[in-house]
Amino acid sequence: MKSPGEIWESLGDIDDEEAQHVLARLFVMYEDLVTRNGETEETKRFFQNLGNAIELTQECNLNRR
């Protein structure tokens, strides 16, 4: 398993289109976990963190305009 630092480096090495695919794949992986196992603390935390990251990014984008 890669360390968080190695994963961060890998993210920096891919282009924007690939990053979108990574995000979509990660979303689907957690969505599948919910389908198979029901909502767990792990999946709740993932979707909460993802929602927070989206909100923060949108706020930053609005502040730049």
Protein backbone atom coordinates (compact mmCIF):
# COMPACT_ATOMS: atom_id res chain seq x y z
CA MET A 1 0.00 0.00 0.00
CA LYS A 2 1.25 3.47 -0.88
CA SER A 3 1.75 6.10 1.79
CA PRO A 4 -0.30 9.32 1.68
CA GLY A 5 2.81 11.15 0.44
CA GLU A 6 3.26 8.69 -2.42
CA ILE A 7 -0.40 8.99 -3.35
CA TRP A 8 -0.14 12.79 -3.30
CA GLU A 9 2.86 12.58 -5.60
CA SER A 10 0.98 10.25 -7.96
CA LEU A 11 -1.91 12.71 -8.09
CA GLY A 12 0.51 15.45 -9.05
CA ASP A 13 1.81 13.33 -11.92
CA ILE A 14 -1.55 12.87 -13.68
CA ASP A 15 -3.35 15.37 -15.90
CA ASP A 16 -6.71 16.99 -15.13
CA GLU A 17 -8.74 14.53 -17.20
CA GLU A 18 -7.16 11.56 -15.43
CA ALA A 19 -7.79 13.24 -12.07
CA GLN A 20 -11.49 13.45 -12.94
CA HIS A 21 -11.48 9.74 -13.71
CA VAL A 22 -9.75 8.99 -10.40
CA LEU A 23 -12.36 10.99 -8.50
CA ALA A 24 -15.23 9.31 -10.36
CA ARG A 25 -13.74 5.85 -9.76
CA LEU A 26 -13.25 6.59 -6.06
CA PHE A 27 -16.85 7.78 -5.80
CA VAL A 28 -18.13 4.60 -7.48
CA MET A 29 -15.99 2.41 -5.22
CA TYR A 30 -17.55 3.95 -2.10
CA GLU A 31 -21.01 3.94 -3.64
CA ASP A 32 -20.59 0.20 -4.28
CA LEU A 33 -19.54 -0.30 -0.64
CA VAL A 34 -22.77 1.36 0.47
CA THR A 35 -24.77 -0.85 -1.90
CA ARG A 36 -23.10 -4.04 -0.67
CA ASN A 37 -22.71 -3.29 3.04
CA GLY A 38 -25.09 -0.46 3.80
CA GLU A 39 -23.90 2.86 5.13
CA THR A 40 -20.91 2.52 7.47
CA GLU A 41 -18.85 5.04 9.39
CA GLU A 42 -16.19 4.78 6.68
CA THR A 43 -18.60 5.53 3.84
CA LYS A 44 -20.35 8.30 5.78
CA ARG A 45 -16.99 9.92 6.51
CA PHE A 46 -15.89 9.62 2.87
CA PHE A 47 -19.04 11.24 1.47
CA GLN A 48 -19.03 13.92 4.17
CA ASN A 49 -15.39 14.77 3.43
CA LEU A 50 -16.04 14.75 -0.31
CA GLY A 51 -19.02 17.07 0.11
CA ASN A 52 -16.94 19.39 2.30
CA ALA A 53 -14.11 19.44 -0.25
CA ILE A 54 -16.55 20.31 -3.04
CA GLU A 55 -18.10 23.13 -0.98
CA LEU A 56 -14.71 24.58 -0.05
CA THR A 57 -13.56 24.47 -3.66
CA GLN A 58 -16.73 26.17 -4.85
CA GLU A 59 -16.36 28.88 -2.18
CA CYS A 60 -12.75 29.50 -3.21
CA ASN A 61 -13.79 29.73 -6.85
CA LEU A 62 -16.50 32.26 -5.99
CA ASN A 63 -14.05 34.36 -4.00
CA ARG A 64 -11.70 34.52 -6.99
CA ARG A 65 -14.36 36.04 -9.26
